[in-house]
Amino acid sequence: MKRTDAAKLIGTQVSAWTAANGEYVGELIEVFGGRWRGKVRITGVIKCATHCENGAPCRRGFRPGETIEVGGANIKPTTTTGTTYREALEREIVLFESFGALTWTTQGLKALRGKLAVEP
C-alpha cells in the first residue's frame, strides 16, 4: 500500500504484524517516514509475541492500550477485533500442546505458561 493510501486509513481499524513481536489489531494513529511506517494504538491481540528463543525468554509483547510502530508493508485494513493478551496466550498454549512433546514445543510451552502466570 502506498503512503498516501495509508494516510487515508488514519483513525480506522488495521492489523499490525511483526515477525517476532506478534500480530495486533488497533487504530492507525500516524503515518510517517519516506519508507513509511505507522503507529497503531492496540485494541486487540491476534497472535502473541515469540516469547522464547533457544529456551530463553526474549519478548514481552504488547497489550491493548499500548502503541506499536510497524513498517508500512505490515499494516492492513481489517475488521478483526482480536482478544486480550491473556486469551491470546491461552490460545497459543493450546496450539503448542497439539504438537506433542517436541523439544521446541516444550521450551515454548514453558515460556508461554510463565507469561500466562504473570498476565492479569
PDB file of N, CA and C in Angstrom:
ATOM      1  N   MET A   1       0.841  -1.165   0.000  1.00  0.00           N
ATOM      2  CA  MET A   1       0.000   0.000   0.000  1.00  0.00           C
ATOM      3  C   MET A   1       0.896   1.242   0.000  1.00  0.00           C
ATOM      4  N   LYS A   2       0.479   2.238  -0.734  1.00  0.00           N
ATOM      5  CA  LYS A   2       1.231   3.485  -0.791  1.00  0.00           C
ATOM      6  C   LYS A   2       0.971   4.320   0.461  1.00  0.00           C
ATOM      7  N   ARG A   3       1.929   5.174   0.769  1.00  0.00           N
ATOM      8  CA  ARG A   3       1.792   6.025   1.945  1.00  0.00           C
ATOM      9  C   ARG A   3       0.538   6.896   1.859  1.00  0.00           C
ATOM     10  N   THR A   4       0.234   7.438   0.678  1.00  0.00           N
ATOM     11  CA  THR A   4      -0.955   8.285   0.529  1.00  0.00           C
ATOM     12  C   THR A   4      -2.235   7.503   0.812  1.00  0.00           C
ATOM     13  N   ASP A   5      -2.273   6.219   0.410  1.00  0.00           N
ATOM     14  CA  ASP A   5      -3.434   5.372   0.709  1.00  0.00           C
ATOM     15  C   ASP A   5      -3.502   5.078   2.209  1.00  0.00           C
ATOM     16  N   ALA A   6      -2.353   4.854   2.815  1.00  0.00           N
ATOM     17  CA  ALA A   6      -2.304   4.574   4.247  1.00  0.00           C
ATOM     18  C   ALA A   6      -2.776   5.779   5.053  1.00  0.00           C
ATOM     19  N   ALA A   7      -2.416   6.979   4.628  1.00  0.00           N
ATOM     20  CA  ALA A   7      -2.825   8.195   5.346  1.00  0.00           C
ATOM     21  C   ALA A   7      -4.347   8.300   5.403  1.00  0.00           C
ATOM     22  N   LYS A   8      -5.032   7.775   4.397  1.00  0.00           N
ATOM     23  CA  LYS A   8      -6.499   7.793   4.388  1.00  0.00           C
ATOM     24  C   LYS A   8      -7.085   6.844   5.436  1.00  0.00           C
ATOM     25  N   LEU A   9      -6.254   5.911   5.922  1.00  0.00           N
ATOM     26  CA  LEU A   9      -6.717   4.940   6.928  1.00  0.00           C
ATOM     27  C   LEU A   9      -6.537   5.433   8.365  1.00  0.00           C
ATOM     28  N   ILE A  10      -5.911   6.591   8.548  1.00  0.00           N
ATOM     29  CA  ILE A  10      -5.728   7.109   9.915  1.00  0.00           C
ATOM     30  C   ILE A  10      -7.090   7.218  10.585  1.00  0.00           C
ATOM     31  N   GLY A  11      -7.163   6.690  11.790  1.00  0.00           N
ATOM     32  CA  GLY A  11      -8.416   6.678  12.542  1.00  0.00           C
ATOM     33  C   GLY A  11      -9.264   5.441  12.321  1.00  0.00           C
ATOM     34  N   THR A  12      -8.814   4.549  11.429  1.00  0.00           N
ATOM     35  CA  THR A  12      -9.569   3.321  11.167  1.00  0.00           C
ATOM     36  C   THR A  12      -8.854   2.116  11.773  1.00  0.00           C
ATOM     37  N   GLN A  13      -9.550   0.999  11.762  1.00  0.00           N
ATOM     38  CA  GLN A  13      -9.008  -0.233  12.330  1.00  0.00           C
ATOM     39  C   GLN A  13      -8.121  -0.946  11.318  1.00  0.00           C
ATOM     40  N   VAL A  14      -6.924  -1.331  11.779  1.00  0.00           N
ATOM     41  CA  VAL A  14      -5.959  -2.038  10.942  1.00  0.00           C
ATOM     42  C   VAL A  14      -5.358  -3.195  11.723  1.00  0.00           C
ATOM     43  N   SER A  15      -4.741  -4.120  10.985  1.00  0.00           N
ATOM     44  CA  SER A  15      -3.929  -5.147  11.637  1.00  0.00           C
ATOM     45  C   SER A  15      -2.473  -4.710  11.491  1.00  0.00           C
ATOM     46  N   ALA A  16      -1.679  -5.025  12.503  1.00  0.00           N
ATOM     47  CA  ALA A  16      -0.259  -4.681  12.506  1.00  0.00           C
ATOM     48  C   ALA A  16       0.510  -5.949  12.843  1.00  0.00           C
ATOM     49  N   TRP A  17       1.280  -6.452  11.875  1.00  0.00           N
ATOM     50  CA  TRP A  17       2.008  -7.706  12.028  1.00  0.00           C
ATOM     51  C   TRP A  17       3.492  -7.431  12.202  1.00  0.00           C
ATOM     52  N   THR A  18       4.127  -8.155  13.122  1.00  0.00           N
ATOM     53  CA  THR A  18       5.586  -8.156  13.230  1.00  0.00           C
ATOM     54  C   THR A  18       6.023  -9.610  13.302  1.00  0.00           C
ATOM     55  N   ALA A  19       7.193  -9.904  12.813  1.00  0.00           N
ATOM     56  CA  ALA A  19       7.664 -11.288  12.769  1.00  0.00           C
ATOM     57  C   ALA A  19       7.796 -11.898  14.159  1.00  0.00           C
ATOM     58  N   ALA A  20       8.346 -11.174  15.108  1.00  0.00           N
ATOM     59  CA  ALA A  20       8.605 -11.752  16.423  1.00  0.00           C
ATOM     60  C   ALA A  20       7.813 -11.104  17.553  1.00  0.00           C
ATOM     61  N   ASN A  21       7.296  -9.900  17.334  1.00  0.00           N
ATOM     62  CA  ASN A  21       6.591  -9.194  18.405  1.00  0.00           C
ATOM     63  C   ASN A  21       5.092  -9.380  18.385  1.00  0.00           C
ATOM     64  N   GLY A  22       4.573 -10.224  17.501  1.00  0.00           N
ATOM     65  CA  GLY A  22       3.163 -10.555  17.497  1.00  0.00           C
ATOM     66  C   GLY A  22       2.373  -9.863  16.408  1.00  0.00           C
ATOM     67  N   GLU A  23       1.072 -10.132  16.420  1.00  0.00           N
ATOM     68  CA  GLU A  23       0.153  -9.510  15.475  1.00  0.00           C
ATOM     69  C   GLU A  23      -0.997  -8.914  16.269  1.00  0.00           C
ATOM     70  N   TYR A  24      -1.345  -7.702  15.917  1.00  0.00           N
ATOM     71  CA  TYR A  24      -2.309  -6.941  16.695  1.00  0.00           C
ATOM     72  C   TYR A  24      -3.325  -6.276  15.794  1.00  0.00           C
ATOM     73  N   VAL A  25      -4.412  -5.828  16.386  1.00  0.00           N
ATOM     74  CA  VAL A  25      -5.402  -5.025  15.695  1.00  0.00           C
ATOM     75  C   VAL A  25      -5.546  -3.739  16.507  1.00  0.00           C
ATOM     76  N   GLY A  26      -5.750  -2.642  15.802  1.00  0.00           N
ATOM     77  CA  GLY A  26      -5.905  -1.384  16.505  1.00  0.00           C
ATOM     78  C   GLY A  26      -6.175  -0.237  15.560  1.00  0.00           C
ATOM     79  N   GLU A  27      -6.144   0.964  16.115  1.00  0.00           N
ATOM     80  CA  GLU A  27      -6.408   2.170  15.348  1.00  0.00           C
ATOM     81  C   GLU A  27      -5.108   2.752  14.819  1.00  0.00           C
ATOM     82  N   LEU A  28      -5.058   2.992  13.528  1.00  0.00           N
ATOM     83  CA  LEU A  28      -3.891   3.641  12.928  1.00  0.00           C
ATOM     84  C   LEU A  28      -3.930   5.106  13.341  1.00  0.00           C
ATOM     85  N   ILE A  29      -2.892   5.565  14.052  1.00  0.00           N
ATOM     86  CA  ILE A  29      -2.906   6.933  14.559  1.00  0.00           C
ATOM     87  C   ILE A  29      -1.917   7.859  13.860  1.00  0.00           C
ATOM     88  N   GLU A  30      -0.940   7.277  13.144  1.00  0.00           N
ATOM     89  CA  GLU A  30       0.034   8.128  12.463  1.00  0.00           C
ATOM     90  C   GLU A  30       0.728   7.353  11.347  1.00  0.00           C
ATOM     91  N   VAL A  31       1.044   8.050  10.271  1.00  0.00           N
ATOM     92  CA  VAL A  31       1.827   7.509   9.160  1.00  0.00           C
ATOM     93  C   VAL A  31       2.984   8.474   8.957  1.00  0.00           C
ATOM     94  N   PHE A  32       4.212   7.958   8.858  1.00  0.00           N
ATOM     95  CA  PHE A  32       5.371   8.844   8.749  1.00  0.00           C
ATOM     96  C   PHE A  32       6.514   8.153   8.024  1.00  0.00           C
ATOM     97  N   GLY A  33       7.508   8.945   7.623  1.00  0.00           N
ATOM     98  CA  GLY A  33       8.740   8.438   7.020  1.00  0.00           C
ATOM     99  C   GLY A  33       8.659   8.271   5.515  1.00  0.00           C
ATOM    100  N   GLY A  34       9.852   8.266   4.882  1.00  0.00           N
ATOM    101  CA  GLY A  34       9.952   8.070   3.437  1.00  0.00           C
ATOM    102  C   GLY A  34       9.534   6.667   3.042  1.00  0.00           C
ATOM    103  N   ARG A  35      10.170   5.657   3.643  1.00  0.00           N
ATOM    104  CA  ARG A  35       9.682   4.271   3.547  1.00  0.00           C
ATOM    105  C   ARG A  35       8.721   4.170   4.714  1.00  0.00           C
ATOM    106  N   TRP A  36       7.483   4.446   4.464  1.00  0.00           N
ATOM    107  CA  TRP A  36       6.548   4.748   5.540  1.00  0.00           C
ATOM    108  C   TRP A  36       6.385   3.659   6.583  1.00  0.00           C
ATOM    109  N   ARG A  37       6.128   4.159   7.774  1.00  0.00           N
ATOM    110  CA  ARG A  37       5.838   3.342   8.940  1.00  0.00           C
ATOM    111  C   ARG A  37       4.551   3.878   9.541  1.00  0.00           C
ATOM    112  N   GLY A  38       3.955   3.122  10.405  1.00  0.00           N
ATOM    113  CA  GLY A  38       2.737   3.585  11.051  1.00  0.00           C
ATOM    114  C   GLY A  38       2.751   3.297  12.538  1.00  0.00           C
ATOM    115  N   LYS A  39       2.056   4.155  13.282  1.00  0.00           N
ATOM    116  CA  LYS A  39       1.828   3.922  14.715  1.00  0.00           C
ATOM    117  C   LYS A  39       0.396   3.449  14.866  1.00  0.00           C
ATOM    118  N   VAL A  40       0.243   2.363  15.630  1.00  0.00           N
ATOM    119  CA  VAL A  40      -1.068   1.756  15.835  1.00  0.00           C
ATOM    120  C   VAL A  40      -1.316   1.649  17.336  1.00  0.00           C
ATOM    121  N   ARG A  41      -2.466   2.189  17.785  1.00  0.00           N
ATOM    122  CA  ARG A  41      -2.878   2.023  19.181  1.00  0.00           C
ATOM    123  C   ARG A  41      -3.632   0.702  19.254  1.00  0.00           C
ATOM    124  N   ILE A  42      -3.088  -0.239  19.987  1.00  0.00           N
ATOM    125  CA  ILE A  42      -3.602  -1.608  20.026  1.00  0.00           C
ATOM    126  C   ILE A  42      -4.938  -1.678  20.770  1.00  0.00           C
ATOM    127  N   THR A  43      -5.889  -2.380  20.131  1.00  0.00           N
ATOM    128  CA  THR A  43      -7.178  -2.631  20.771  1.00  0.00           C
ATOM    129  C   THR A  43      -7.403  -4.128  21.000  1.00  0.00           C
ATOM    130  N   GLY A  44      -6.636  -4.977  20.320  1.00  0.00           N
ATOM    131  CA  GLY A  44      -6.778  -6.421  20.485  1.00  0.00           C
ATOM    132  C   GLY A  44      -5.550  -7.164  19.994  1.00  0.00           C
ATOM    133  N   VAL A  45      -5.400  -8.375  20.486  1.00  0.00           N
ATOM    134  CA  VAL A  45      -4.259  -9.221  20.144  1.00  0.00           C
ATOM    135  C   VAL A  45      -4.743 -10.349  19.241  1.00  0.00           C
ATOM    136  N   ILE A  46      -4.055 -10.532  18.119  1.00  0.00           N
ATOM    137  CA  ILE A  46      -4.355 -11.643  17.213  1.00  0.00           C
ATOM    138  C   ILE A  46      -3.410 -12.801  17.500  1.00  0.00           C
ATOM    139  N   LYS A  47      -2.116 -12.494  17.621  1.00  0.00           N
ATOM    140  CA  LYS A  47      -1.104 -13.523  17.905  1.00  0.00           C
ATOM    141  C   LYS A  47      -0.065 -12.939  18.849  1.00  0.00           C
ATOM    142  N   CYS A  48       0.303 -13.710  19.853  1.00  0.00           N
ATOM    143  CA  CYS A  48       1.294 -13.287  20.844  1.00  0.00           C
ATOM    144  C   CYS A  48       2.673 -13.115  20.237  1.00  0.00           C
ATOM    145  N   ALA A  49       3.505 -12.412  20.956  1.00  0.00           N
ATOM    146  CA  ALA A  49       4.916 -12.302  20.592  1.00  0.00           C
ATOM    147  C   ALA A  49       5.581 -13.656  20.764  1.00  0.00           C
ATOM    148  N   THR A  50       6.711 -13.864  20.080  1.00  0.00           N
ATOM    149  CA  THR A  50       7.535 -15.043  20.303  1.00  0.00           C
ATOM    150  C   THR A  50       8.176 -14.841  21.669  1.00  0.00           C
ATOM    151  N   HIS A  51       7.864 -15.722  22.628  1.00  0.00           N
ATOM    152  CA  HIS A  51       8.296 -15.486  23.999  1.00  0.00           C
ATOM    153  C   HIS A  51       9.629 -16.102  24.364  1.00  0.00           C
ATOM    154  N   CYS A  52      10.171 -16.952  23.504  1.00  0.00           N
ATOM    155  CA  CYS A  52      11.479 -17.508  23.830  1.00  0.00           C
ATOM    156  C   CYS A  52      12.216 -17.891  22.562  1.00  0.00           C
ATOM    157  N   GLU A  53      13.517 -17.833  22.669  1.00  0.00           N
ATOM    158  CA  GLU A  53      14.391 -18.322  21.605  1.00  0.00           C
ATOM    159  C   GLU A  53      15.458 -19.157  22.280  1.00  0.00           C
ATOM    160  N   ASN A  54      15.632 -20.375  21.815  1.00  0.00           N
ATOM    161  CA  ASN A  54      16.588 -21.311  22.408  1.00  0.00           C
ATOM    162  C   ASN A  54      16.328 -21.515  23.894  1.00  0.00           C
ATOM    163  N   GLY A  55      15.036 -21.484  24.272  1.00  0.00           N
ATOM    164  CA  GLY A  55      14.659 -21.744  25.655  1.00  0.00           C
ATOM    165  C   GLY A  55      14.768 -20.565  26.587  1.00  0.00           C
ATOM    166  N   ALA A  56      15.289 -19.437  26.118  1.00  0.00           N
ATOM    167  CA  ALA A  56      15.438 -18.254  26.978  1.00  0.00           C
ATOM    168  C   ALA A  56      14.341 -17.232  26.665  1.00  0.00           C
ATOM    169  N   PRO A  57      13.697 -16.679  27.707  1.00  0.00           N
ATOM    170  CA  PRO A  57      12.673 -15.651  27.474  1.00  0.00           C
ATOM    171  C   PRO A  57      13.278 -14.473  26.709  1.00  0.00           C
ATOM    172  N   CYS A  58      12.493 -13.887  25.771  1.00  0.00           N
ATOM    173  CA  CYS A  58      13.080 -12.822  24.974  1.00  0.00           C
ATOM    174  C   CYS A  58      12.156 -11.638  24.704  1.00  0.00           C
ATOM    175  N   ARG A  59      10.849 -11.794  24.677  1.00  0.00           N
ATOM    176  CA  ARG A  59       9.956 -10.686  24.329  1.00  0.00           C
ATOM    177  C   ARG A  59       8.739 -10.637  25.238  1.00  0.00           C
ATOM    178  N   ARG A  60       8.267  -9.446  25.488  1.00  0.00           N
ATOM    179  CA  ARG A  60       7.097  -9.232  26.320  1.00  0.00           C
ATOM    180  C   ARG A  60       5.817  -9.204  25.494  1.00  0.00           C
ATOM    181  N   GLY A  61       5.846  -8.651  24.296  1.00  0.00           N
ATOM    182  CA  GLY A  61       4.632  -8.458  23.509  1.00  0.00           C
ATOM    183  C   GLY A  61       3.950  -7.161  23.921  1.00  0.00           C
ATOM    184  N   PHE A  62       2.866  -6.836  23.258  1.00  0.00           N
ATOM    185  CA  PHE A  62       2.146  -5.589  23.522  1.00  0.00           C
ATOM    186  C   PHE A  62       0.740  -5.898  23.986  1.00  0.00           C
ATOM    187  N   ARG A  63       0.153  -4.968  24.735  1.00  0.00           N
ATOM    188  CA  ARG A  63      -1.182  -5.138  25.301  1.00  0.00           C
ATOM    189  C   ARG A  63      -2.121  -4.071  24.746  1.00  0.00           C
ATOM    190  N   PRO A  64      -3.425  -4.346  24.761  1.00  0.00           N
ATOM    191  CA  PRO A  64      -4.375  -3.308  24.358  1.00  0.00           C
ATOM    192  C   PRO A  64      -4.137  -2.026  25.157  1.00  0.00           C
ATOM    193  N   GLY A  65      -4.184  -0.892  24.446  1.00  0.00           N
ATOM    194  CA  GLY A  65      -3.915   0.407  25.049  1.00  0.00           C
ATOM    195  C   GLY A  65      -2.516   0.904  24.757  1.00  0.00           C
ATOM    196  N   GLU A  66      -1.593   0.001  24.429  1.00  0.00           N
ATOM    197  CA  GLU A  66      -0.229   0.395  24.094  1.00  0.00           C
ATOM    198  C   GLU A  66      -0.141   0.736  22.610  1.00  0.00           C
ATOM    199  N   THR A  67       0.950   1.409  22.240  1.00  0.00           N
ATOM    200  CA  THR A  67       1.167   1.806  20.855  1.00  0.00           C
ATOM    201  C   THR A  67       2.361   1.052  20.301  1.00  0.00           C
ATOM    202  N   ILE A  68       2.228   0.606  19.048  1.00  0.00           N
ATOM    203  CA  ILE A  68       3.299  -0.120  18.382  1.00  0.00           C
ATOM    204  C   ILE A  68       3.616   0.598  17.072  1.00  0.00           C
ATOM    205  N   GLU A  69       4.880   0.589  16.705  1.00  0.00           N
ATOM    206  CA  GLU A  69       5.336   1.169  15.448  1.00  0.00           C
ATOM    207  C   GLU A  69       5.667   0.013  14.504  1.00  0.00           C
ATOM    208  N   VAL A  70       5.106   0.036  13.300  1.00  0.00           N
ATOM    209  CA  VAL A  70       5.242  -1.082  12.370  1.00  0.00           C
ATOM    210  C   VAL A  70       5.547  -0.569  10.968  1.00  0.00           C
ATOM    211  N   GLY A  71       6.356  -1.315  10.227  1.00  0.00           N
ATOM    212  CA  GLY A  71       6.633  -0.986   8.833  1.00  0.00           C
ATOM    213  C   GLY A  71       5.357  -1.016   8.010  1.00  0.00           C
ATOM    214  N   GLY A  72       5.263  -0.114   7.052  1.00  0.00           N
ATOM    215  CA  GLY A  72       4.047   0.031   6.261  1.00  0.00           C
ATOM    216  C   GLY A  72       3.572  -1.221   5.564  1.00  0.00           C
ATOM    217  N   ALA A  73       4.491  -2.070   5.121  1.00  0.00           N
ATOM    218  CA  ALA A  73       4.092  -3.297   4.422  1.00  0.00           C
ATOM    219  C   ALA A  73       3.339  -4.255   5.334  1.00  0.00           C
ATOM    220  N   ASN A  74       3.444  -4.042   6.650  1.00  0.00           N
ATOM    221  CA  ASN A  74       2.827  -4.947   7.619  1.00  0.00           C
ATOM    222  C   ASN A  74       1.572  -4.379   8.261  1.00  0.00           C
ATOM    223  N   ILE A  75       1.018  -3.337   7.664  1.00  0.00           N
ATOM    224  CA  ILE A  75      -0.221  -2.729   8.144  1.00  0.00           C
ATOM    225  C   ILE A  75      -1.277  -2.917   7.069  1.00  0.00           C
ATOM    226  N   LYS A  76      -2.426  -3.453   7.474  1.00  0.00           N
ATOM    227  CA  LYS A  76      -3.514  -3.727   6.528  1.00  0.00           C
ATOM    228  C   LYS A  76      -4.846  -3.368   7.183  1.00  0.00           C
ATOM    229  N   PRO A  77      -5.814  -2.887   6.387  1.00  0.00           N
ATOM    230  CA  PRO A  77      -7.162  -2.668   6.936  1.00  0.00           C
ATOM    231  C   PRO A  77      -7.743  -4.013   7.387  1.00  0.00           C
ATOM    232  N   THR A  78      -8.557  -4.002   8.442  1.00  0.00           N
ATOM    233  CA  THR A  78      -9.146  -5.253   8.928  1.00  0.00           C
ATOM    234  C   THR A  78     -10.463  -4.990   9.640  1.00  0.00           C
ATOM    235  N   THR A  79     -11.251  -6.046   9.773  1.00  0.00           N
ATOM    236  CA  THR A  79     -12.462  -5.988  10.581  1.00  0.00           C
ATOM    237  C   THR A  79     -12.331  -6.913  11.791  1.00  0.00           C
ATOM    238  N   THR A  80     -11.184  -7.568  11.918  1.00  0.00           N
ATOM    239  CA  THR A  80     -10.914  -8.452  13.049  1.00  0.00           C
ATOM    240  C   THR A  80     -10.871  -7.642  14.339  1.00  0.00           C
ATOM    241  N   THR A  81     -11.317  -8.226  15.455  1.00  0.00           N
ATOM    242  CA  THR A  81     -11.320  -7.498  16.720  1.00  0.00           C
ATOM    243  C   THR A  81     -10.165  -7.879  17.641  1.00  0.00           C
ATOM    244  N   GLY A  82      -9.657  -9.081  17.558  1.00  0.00           N
ATOM    245  CA  GLY A  82      -8.590  -9.509  18.466  1.00  0.00           C
ATOM    246  C   GLY A  82      -9.144  -9.817  19.854  1.00  0.00           C
ATOM    247  N   THR A  83      -8.239 -10.149  20.768  1.00  0.00           N
ATOM    248  CA  THR A  83      -8.625 -10.526  22.140  1.00  0.00           C
ATOM    249  C   THR A  83      -7.701  -9.827  23.119  1.00  0.00           C
ATOM    250  N   THR A  84      -7.822 -10.202  24.387  1.00  0.00           N
ATOM    251  CA  THR A  84      -6.860  -9.730  25.377  1.00  0.00           C
ATOM    252  C   THR A  84      -5.560 -10.510  25.187  1.00  0.00           C
ATOM    253  N   TYR A  85      -4.483 -10.037  25.795  1.00  0.00           N
ATOM    254  CA  TYR A  85      -3.220 -10.756  25.674  1.00  0.00           C
ATOM    255  C   TYR A  85      -3.319 -12.115  26.359  1.00  0.00           C
ATOM    256  N   ARG A  86      -4.005 -12.165  27.488  1.00  0.00           N
ATOM    257  CA  ARG A  86      -4.166 -13.415  28.231  1.00  0.00           C
ATOM    258  C   ARG A  86      -4.880 -14.465  27.370  1.00  0.00           C
ATOM    259  N   GLU A  87      -5.965 -14.072  26.703  1.00  0.00           N
ATOM    260  CA  GLU A  87      -6.696 -15.003  25.841  1.00  0.00           C
ATOM    261  C   GLU A  87      -5.824 -15.479  24.682  1.00  0.00           C
ATOM    262  N   ALA A  88      -5.018 -14.591  24.129  1.00  0.00           N
ATOM    263  CA  ALA A  88      -4.111 -14.977  23.043  1.00  0.00           C
ATOM    264  C   ALA A  88      -3.061 -15.970  23.541  1.00  0.00           C
ATOM    265  N   LEU A  89      -2.547 -15.763  24.764  1.00  0.00           N
ATOM    266  CA  LEU A  89      -1.595 -16.711  25.356  1.00  0.00           C
ATOM    267  C   LEU A  89      -2.246 -18.078  25.532  1.00  0.00           C
ATOM    268  N   GLU A  90      -3.462 -18.097  26.050  1.00  0.00           N
ATOM    269  CA  GLU A  90      -4.166 -19.370  26.263  1.00  0.00           C
ATOM    270  C   GLU A  90      -4.379 -20.101  24.939  1.00  0.00           C
ATOM    271  N   ARG A  91      -4.743 -19.360  23.908  1.00  0.00           N
ATOM    272  CA  ARG A  91      -4.938 -19.948  22.579  1.00  0.00           C
ATOM    273  C   ARG A  91      -3.624 -20.521  22.039  1.00  0.00           C
ATOM    274  N   GLU A  92      -2.537 -19.803  22.262  1.00  0.00           N
ATOM    275  CA  GLU A  92      -1.210 -20.246  21.805  1.00  0.00           C
ATOM    276  C   GLU A  92      -0.776 -21.516  22.545  1.00  0.00           C
ATOM    277  N   ILE A  93      -1.066 -21.603  23.830  1.00  0.00           N
ATOM    278  CA  ILE A  93      -0.720 -22.795  24.610  1.00  0.00           C
ATOM    279  C   ILE A  93      -1.444 -24.019  24.054  1.00  0.00           C
ATOM    280  N   VAL A  94      -2.729 -23.877  23.757  1.00  0.00           N
ATOM    281  CA  VAL A  94      -3.493 -24.988  23.172  1.00  0.00           C
ATOM    282  C   VAL A  94      -2.859 -25.420  21.850  1.00  0.00           C
ATOM    283  N   LEU A  95      -2.462 -24.466  21.037  1.00  0.00           N
ATOM    284  CA  LEU A  95      -1.811 -24.787  19.761  1.00  0.00           C
ATOM    285  C   LEU A  95      -0.503 -25.550  19.991  1.00  0.00           C
ATOM    286  N   PHE A  96       0.343 -25.062  20.897  1.00  0.00           N
ATOM    287  CA  PHE A  96       1.617 -25.736  21.179  1.00  0.00           C
ATOM    288  C   PHE A  96       1.386 -27.146  21.718  1.00  0.00           C
ATOM    289  N   GLU A  97       0.385 -27.317  22.595  1.00  0.00           N
ATOM    290  CA  GLU A  97       0.106 -28.644  23.156  1.00  0.00           C
ATOM    291  C   GLU A  97      -0.316 -29.628  22.074  1.00  0.00           C
ATOM    292  N   SER A  98      -0.922 -29.148  21.007  1.00  0.00           N
ATOM    293  CA  SER A  98      -1.366 -30.041  19.941  1.00  0.00           C
ATOM    294  C   SER A  98      -0.200 -30.623  19.145  1.00  0.00           C
ATOM    295  N   PHE A  99       0.994 -30.031  19.246  1.00  0.00           N
ATOM    296  CA  PHE A  99       2.154 -30.536  18.523  1.00  0.00           C
ATOM    297  C   PHE A  99       2.845 -31.696  19.241  1.00  0.00           C
ATOM    298  N   GLY A 100       2.539 -31.913  20.520  1.00  0.00           N
ATOM    299  CA  GLY A 100       3.155 -33.008  21.254  1.00  0.00           C
ATOM    300  C   GLY A 100       4.449 -32.590  21.915  1.00  0.00           C
ATOM    301  N   ALA A 101       5.200 -33.575  22.371  1.00  0.00           N
ATOM    302  CA  ALA A 101       6.393 -33.338  23.180  1.00  0.00           C
ATOM    303  C   ALA A 101       7.646 -33.194  22.328  1.00  0.00           C
ATOM    304  N   LEU A 102       7.694 -32.201  21.500  1.00  0.00           N
ATOM    305  CA  LEU A 102       8.896 -31.888  20.732  1.00  0.00           C
ATOM    306  C   LEU A 102       9.732 -30.895  21.537  1.00  0.00           C
ATOM    307  N   THR A 103      11.020 -30.895  21.355  1.00  0.00           N
ATOM    308  CA  THR A 103      11.890 -30.015  22.136  1.00  0.00           C
ATOM    309  C   THR A 103      11.463 -28.558  22.038  1.00  0.00           C
ATOM    310  N   TRP A 104      11.220 -28.066  20.816  1.00  0.00           N
ATOM    311  CA  TRP A 104      10.867 -26.658  20.669  1.00  0.00           C
ATOM    312  C   TRP A 104       9.522 -26.338  21.285  1.00  0.00           C
ATOM    313  N   THR A 105       8.571 -27.308  21.268  1.00  0.00           N
ATOM    314  CA  THR A 105       7.268 -27.027  21.880  1.00  0.00           C
ATOM    315  C   THR A 105       7.367 -27.059  23.389  1.00  0.00           C
ATOM    316  N   THR A 106       8.209 -27.928  23.929  1.00  0.00           N
ATOM    317  CA  THR A 106       8.384 -27.979  25.378  1.00  0.00           C
ATOM    318  C   THR A 106       8.945 -26.657  25.889  1.00  0.00           C
ATOM    319  N   GLN A 107       9.958 -26.136  25.210  1.00  0.00           N
ATOM    320  CA  GLN A 107      10.535 -24.846  25.601  1.00  0.00           C
ATOM    321  C   GLN A 107       9.526 -23.725  25.403  1.00  0.00           C
ATOM    322  N   GLY A 108       8.809 -23.763  24.299  1.00  0.00           N
ATOM    323  CA  GLY A 108       7.799 -22.746  24.024  1.00  0.00           C
ATOM    324  C   GLY A 108       6.677 -22.760  25.033  1.00  0.00           C
ATOM    325  N   LEU A 109       6.205 -23.957  25.389  1.00  0.00           N
ATOM    326  CA  LEU A 109       5.147 -24.072  26.393  1.00  0.00           C
ATOM    327  C   LEU A 109       5.599 -23.535  27.742  1.00  0.00           C
ATOM    328  N   LYS A 110       6.831 -23.818  28.103  1.00  0.00           N
ATOM    329  CA  LYS A 110       7.361 -23.324  29.374  1.00  0.00           C
ATOM    330  C   LYS A 110       7.347 -21.792  29.389  1.00  0.00           C
ATOM    331  N   ALA A 111       7.794 -21.189  28.298  1.00  0.00           N
ATOM    332  CA  ALA A 111       7.813 -19.726  28.208  1.00  0.00           C
ATOM    333  C   ALA A 111       6.396 -19.157  28.225  1.00  0.00           C
ATOM    334  N   LEU A 112       5.485 -19.761  27.453  1.00  0.00           N
ATOM    335  CA  LEU A 112       4.109 -19.273  27.405  1.00  0.00           C
ATOM    336  C   LEU A 112       3.409 -19.398  28.751  1.00  0.00           C
ATOM    337  N   ARG A 113       3.598 -20.532  29.413  1.00  0.00           N
ATOM    338  CA  ARG A 113       2.969 -20.712  30.726  1.00  0.00           C
ATOM    339  C   ARG A 113       3.546 -19.736  31.752  1.00  0.00           C
ATOM    340  N   GLY A 114       4.836 -19.443  31.635  1.00  0.00           N
ATOM    341  CA  GLY A 114       5.443 -18.445  32.514  1.00  0.00           C
ATOM    342  C   GLY A 114       4.833 -17.073  32.301  1.00  0.00           C
ATOM    343  N   LYS A 115       4.609 -16.685  31.044  1.00  0.00           N
ATOM    344  CA  LYS A 115       3.963 -15.414  30.735  1.00  0.00           C
ATOM    345  C   LYS A 115       2.525 -15.400  31.233  1.00  0.00           C
ATOM    346  N   LEU A 116       1.810 -16.514  31.048  1.00  0.00           N
ATOM    347  CA  LEU A 116       0.419 -16.596  31.467  1.00  0.00           C
ATOM    348  C   LEU A 116       0.301 -16.446  32.979  1.00  0.00           C
ATOM    349  N   ALA A 117       1.260 -16.990  33.708  1.00  0.00           N
ATOM    350  CA  ALA A 117       1.216 -16.939  35.179  1.00  0.00           C
ATOM    351  C   ALA A 117       1.272 -15.505  35.706  1.00  0.00           C
ATOM    352  N   VAL A 118       1.889 -14.611  34.987  1.00  0.00           N
ATOM    353  CA  VAL A 118       2.012 -13.225  35.463  1.00  0.00           C
ATOM    354  C   VAL A 118       1.066 -12.277  34.740  1.00  0.00           C
ATOM    355  N   GLU A 119       0.327 -12.762  33.756  1.00  0.00           N
ATOM    356  CA  GLU A 119      -0.592 -11.907  32.986  1.00  0.00           C
ATOM    357  C   GLU A 119      -1.879 -11.708  33.777  1.00  0.00           C
ATOM    358  N   PRO A 120      -2.325 -10.463  33.958  1.00  0.00           N
ATOM    359  CA  PRO A 120      -3.577 -10.218  34.710  1.00  0.00           C
ATOM    360  C   PRO A 120      -4.798 -10.786  34.026  1.00  0.00           C
TER     361      PRO A 120
END
